[in-house]
Amino acid sequence: MHPSPDQSAHEEITTAFGAYLQAMLDGDTDALDNLLADGCTLTHITGYVQPKDEWLSQMRAGRFLYHGIEEKSVTVEIDGDTARVSGRFVTDATVYGTRANWRLEMTMDYAHEEDTWSVVRSAAETW
């Protein structure tokens, strides 16, 4: 028996999201570049909307270092060729030289293009 299209999409998105978190922990900016769509933006807890290329450049410069990500809750909502992953995490990260455990609620919007789910927008706020 084959999985339904929604089950397959859920598995693909869950896998892509897991790869995103792992790439953050590994500091693998090449993998992140592939997982984030061109034109992707990341909205930080400060409200700053950062272009993908700027964030990756700052990661390469050591301004964002991720040491651990503890998942508290995650939901996946699929609507055709778009999806939203949202959840709460405790993220052990060094941001501009300050290391802390950040309680983040993240929302990531995905689009399905050319057989790949890519992040088109990411936003974080504290909880």
C-alpha atoms as a PDB file:
ATOM      1  CA  MET A   1       0.000   0.000   0.000  1.00  0.00           C
ATOM      2  CA  HIS A   2       1.356   3.420  -0.982  1.00  0.00           C
ATOM      3  CA  PRO A   3       1.137   6.433   1.307  1.00  0.00           C
ATOM      4  CA  SER A   4      -1.467   9.062   0.424  1.00  0.00           C
ATOM      5  CA  PRO A   5      -0.253  12.300  -1.185  1.00  0.00           C
ATOM      6  CA  ASP A   6      -0.760  14.116   2.141  1.00  0.00           C
ATOM      7  CA  GLN A   7       1.196  11.430   4.018  1.00  0.00           C
ATOM      8  CA  SER A   8       4.015  11.632   1.476  1.00  0.00           C
ATOM      9  CA  ALA A   9       4.057  15.438   1.652  1.00  0.00           C
ATOM     10  CA  HIS A  10       4.052  15.313   5.459  1.00  0.00           C
ATOM     11  CA  GLU A  11       7.031  12.941   5.449  1.00  0.00           C
ATOM     12  CA  GLU A  12       8.907  15.059   2.872  1.00  0.00           C
ATOM     13  CA  ILE A  13       8.310  18.279   4.851  1.00  0.00           C
ATOM     14  CA  THR A  14       9.239  16.639   8.140  1.00  0.00           C
ATOM     15  CA  THR A  15      12.443  15.341   6.555  1.00  0.00           C
ATOM     16  CA  ALA A  16      13.247  18.769   5.064  1.00  0.00           C
ATOM     17  CA  PHE A  17      12.610  20.468   8.414  1.00  0.00           C
ATOM     18  CA  GLY A  18      14.839  17.956  10.217  1.00  0.00           C
ATOM     19  CA  ALA A  19      17.567  18.570   7.636  1.00  0.00           C
ATOM     20  CA  TYR A  20      17.215  22.332   8.239  1.00  0.00           C
ATOM     21  CA  LEU A  21      17.654  21.941  12.004  1.00  0.00           C
ATOM     22  CA  GLN A  22      20.637  19.613  11.525  1.00  0.00           C
ATOM     23  CA  ALA A  23      22.276  21.994   9.056  1.00  0.00           C
ATOM     24  CA  MET A  24      21.892  24.810  11.599  1.00  0.00           C
ATOM     25  CA  LEU A  25      23.576  22.687  14.264  1.00  0.00           C
ATOM     26  CA  ASP A  26      26.331  21.662  11.851  1.00  0.00           C
ATOM     27  CA  GLY A  27      26.837  25.223  10.631  1.00  0.00           C
ATOM     28  CA  ASP A  28      26.390  23.785   7.135  1.00  0.00           C
ATOM     29  CA  THR A  29      25.571  26.904   5.161  1.00  0.00           C
ATOM     30  CA  ASP A  30      25.741  25.050   1.829  1.00  0.00           C
ATOM     31  CA  ALA A  31      22.985  22.685   2.965  1.00  0.00           C
ATOM     32  CA  LEU A  32      20.962  25.613   4.312  1.00  0.00           C
ATOM     33  CA  ASP A  33      21.377  27.430   1.005  1.00  0.00           C
ATOM     34  CA  ASN A  34      19.836  24.404  -0.737  1.00  0.00           C
ATOM     35  CA  LEU A  35      16.982  24.094   1.791  1.00  0.00           C
ATOM     36  CA  LEU A  36      16.006  27.773   1.640  1.00  0.00           C
ATOM     37  CA  ALA A  37      14.357  29.118  -1.496  1.00  0.00           C
ATOM     38  CA  ASP A  38      15.898  32.011  -3.371  1.00  0.00           C
ATOM     39  CA  GLY A  39      14.314  35.120  -1.905  1.00  0.00           C
ATOM     40  CA  CYS A  40      13.674  33.433   1.458  1.00  0.00           C
ATOM     41  CA  THR A  41      13.562  35.774   4.451  1.00  0.00           C
ATOM     42  CA  LEU A  42      14.103  35.091   8.141  1.00  0.00           C
ATOM     43  CA  THR A  43      12.326  37.282  10.672  1.00  0.00           C
ATOM     44  CA  HIS A  44      14.246  37.404  13.954  1.00  0.00           C
ATOM     45  CA  ILE A  45      12.840  37.966  17.454  1.00  0.00           C
ATOM     46  CA  THR A  46      13.841  41.627  17.091  1.00  0.00           C
ATOM     47  CA  GLY A  47      11.481  41.937  14.116  1.00  0.00           C
ATOM     48  CA  TYR A  48      14.362  42.325  11.682  1.00  0.00           C
ATOM     49  CA  VAL A  49      13.554  40.676   8.355  1.00  0.00           C
ATOM     50  CA  GLN A  50      16.832  39.281   7.069  1.00  0.00           C
ATOM     51  CA  PRO A  51      17.470  38.070   3.520  1.00  0.00           C
ATOM     52  CA  LYS A  52      18.715  34.496   3.219  1.00  0.00           C
ATOM     53  CA  ASP A  53      22.106  35.473   1.772  1.00  0.00           C
ATOM     54  CA  GLU A  54      22.810  37.919   4.597  1.00  0.00           C
ATOM     55  CA  TRP A  55      21.950  35.311   7.268  1.00  0.00           C
ATOM     56  CA  LEU A  56      24.138  32.678   5.611  1.00  0.00           C
ATOM     57  CA  SER A  57      26.991  35.173   5.346  1.00  0.00           C
ATOM     58  CA  GLN A  58      26.659  35.975   9.054  1.00  0.00           C
ATOM     59  CA  MET A  59      26.620  32.274   9.896  1.00  0.00           C
ATOM     60  CA  ARG A  60      29.824  31.793   7.896  1.00  0.00           C
ATOM     61  CA  ALA A  61      31.359  34.689   9.872  1.00  0.00           C
ATOM     62  CA  GLY A  62      30.438  32.981  13.184  1.00  0.00           C
ATOM     63  CA  ARG A  63      27.792  35.496  14.231  1.00  0.00           C
ATOM     64  CA  PHE A  64      25.144  32.768  14.546  1.00  0.00           C
ATOM     65  CA  LEU A  65      26.301  29.494  16.109  1.00  0.00           C
ATOM     66  CA  TYR A  66      23.786  26.819  17.043  1.00  0.00           C
ATOM     67  CA  HIS A  67      24.783  24.348  19.763  1.00  0.00           C
ATOM     68  CA  GLY A  68      21.544  22.511  20.478  1.00  0.00           C
ATOM     69  CA  ILE A  69      17.853  22.573  19.585  1.00  0.00           C
ATOM     70  CA  GLU A  70      15.315  20.971  21.921  1.00  0.00           C
ATOM     71  CA  GLU A  71      11.925  20.410  20.322  1.00  0.00           C
ATOM     72  CA  LYS A  72       8.933  21.102  22.574  1.00  0.00           C
ATOM     73  CA  SER A  73       6.145  20.874  19.979  1.00  0.00           C
ATOM     74  CA  VAL A  74       5.821  20.807  16.189  1.00  0.00           C
ATOM     75  CA  THR A  75       2.846  20.906  13.846  1.00  0.00           C
ATOM     76  CA  VAL A  76       2.737  20.549  10.067  1.00  0.00           C
ATOM     77  CA  GLU A  77      -0.136  21.987   8.030  1.00  0.00           C
ATOM     78  CA  ILE A  78      -0.314  21.242   4.302  1.00  0.00           C
ATOM     79  CA  ASP A  79      -2.407  23.083   1.731  1.00  0.00           C
ATOM     80  CA  GLY A  80      -1.633  21.805  -1.747  1.00  0.00           C
ATOM     81  CA  ASP A  81       1.831  23.011  -2.763  1.00  0.00           C
ATOM     82  CA  THR A  82       2.348  25.072   0.389  1.00  0.00           C
ATOM     83  CA  ALA A  83       2.894  24.051   3.968  1.00  0.00           C
ATOM     84  CA  ARG A  84       3.561  25.579   7.356  1.00  0.00           C
ATOM     85  CA  VAL A  85       5.717  24.059  10.082  1.00  0.00           C
ATOM     86  CA  SER A  86       5.343  25.686  13.458  1.00  0.00           C
ATOM     87  CA  GLY A  87       6.638  24.763  16.838  1.00  0.00           C
ATOM     88  CA  ARG A  88       8.299  25.700  20.059  1.00  0.00           C
ATOM     89  CA  PHE A  89      11.960  25.046  20.675  1.00  0.00           C
ATOM     90  CA  VAL A  90      14.645  25.827  23.198  1.00  0.00           C
ATOM     91  CA  THR A  91      17.634  26.785  21.092  1.00  0.00           C
ATOM     92  CA  ASP A  92      21.110  26.910  22.607  1.00  0.00           C
ATOM     93  CA  ALA A  93      22.803  29.479  20.389  1.00  0.00           C
ATOM     94  CA  THR A  94      25.492  32.102  20.349  1.00  0.00           C
ATOM     95  CA  VAL A  95      24.194  35.212  18.616  1.00  0.00           C
ATOM     96  CA  TYR A  96      26.658  38.049  18.104  1.00  0.00           C
ATOM     97  CA  GLY A  97      28.860  36.664  20.870  1.00  0.00           C
ATOM     98  CA  THR A  98      26.128  36.074  23.479  1.00  0.00           C
ATOM     99  CA  ARG A  99      25.302  32.452  24.269  1.00  0.00           C
ATOM    100  CA  ALA A 100      21.869  31.710  25.704  1.00  0.00           C
ATOM    101  CA  ASN A 101      19.026  29.234  25.651  1.00  0.00           C
ATOM    102  CA  TRP A 102      16.476  30.973  23.464  1.00  0.00           C
ATOM    103  CA  ARG A 103      12.823  29.945  23.874  1.00  0.00           C
ATOM    104  CA  LEU A 104      11.693  30.315  20.282  1.00  0.00           C
ATOM    105  CA  GLU A 105       8.394  29.813  18.580  1.00  0.00           C
ATOM    106  CA  MET A 106       9.253  29.253  14.932  1.00  0.00           C
ATOM    107  CA  THR A 107       6.998  29.346  11.905  1.00  0.00           C
ATOM    108  CA  MET A 108       8.349  28.194   8.570  1.00  0.00           C
ATOM    109  CA  ASP A 109       6.447  28.457   5.316  1.00  0.00           C
ATOM    110  CA  TYR A 110       7.326  25.948   2.610  1.00  0.00           C
ATOM    111  CA  ALA A 111       6.578  25.821  -1.109  1.00  0.00           C
ATOM    112  CA  HIS A 112       6.714  22.707  -3.264  1.00  0.00           C
ATOM    113  CA  GLU A 113       8.541  23.357  -6.518  1.00  0.00           C
ATOM    114  CA  GLU A 114      10.248  20.915  -8.854  1.00  0.00           C
ATOM    115  CA  ASP A 115       9.701  17.967  -6.473  1.00  0.00           C
ATOM    116  CA  THR A 116      11.335  19.790  -3.546  1.00  0.00           C
ATOM    117  CA  TRP A 117       9.925  21.482  -0.448  1.00  0.00           C
ATOM    118  CA  SER A 118      11.846  24.713   0.201  1.00  0.00           C
ATOM    119  CA  VAL A 119      11.525  27.283   2.965  1.00  0.00           C
ATOM    120  CA  VAL A 120      10.209  30.571   1.576  1.00  0.00           C
ATOM    121  CA  ARG A 121       9.815  32.368   4.915  1.00  0.00           C
ATOM    122  CA  SER A 122      10.913  31.736   8.473  1.00  0.00           C
ATOM    123  CA  ALA A 123       9.892  33.737  11.525  1.00  0.00           C
ATOM    124  CA  ALA A 124      10.844  33.407  15.170  1.00  0.00           C
ATOM    125  CA  GLU A 125       9.462  35.002  18.307  1.00  0.00           C
ATOM    126  CA  THR A 126       9.957  34.236  21.961  1.00  0.00           C
ATOM    127  CA  TRP A 127       7.468  32.365  24.147  1.00  0.00           C
END
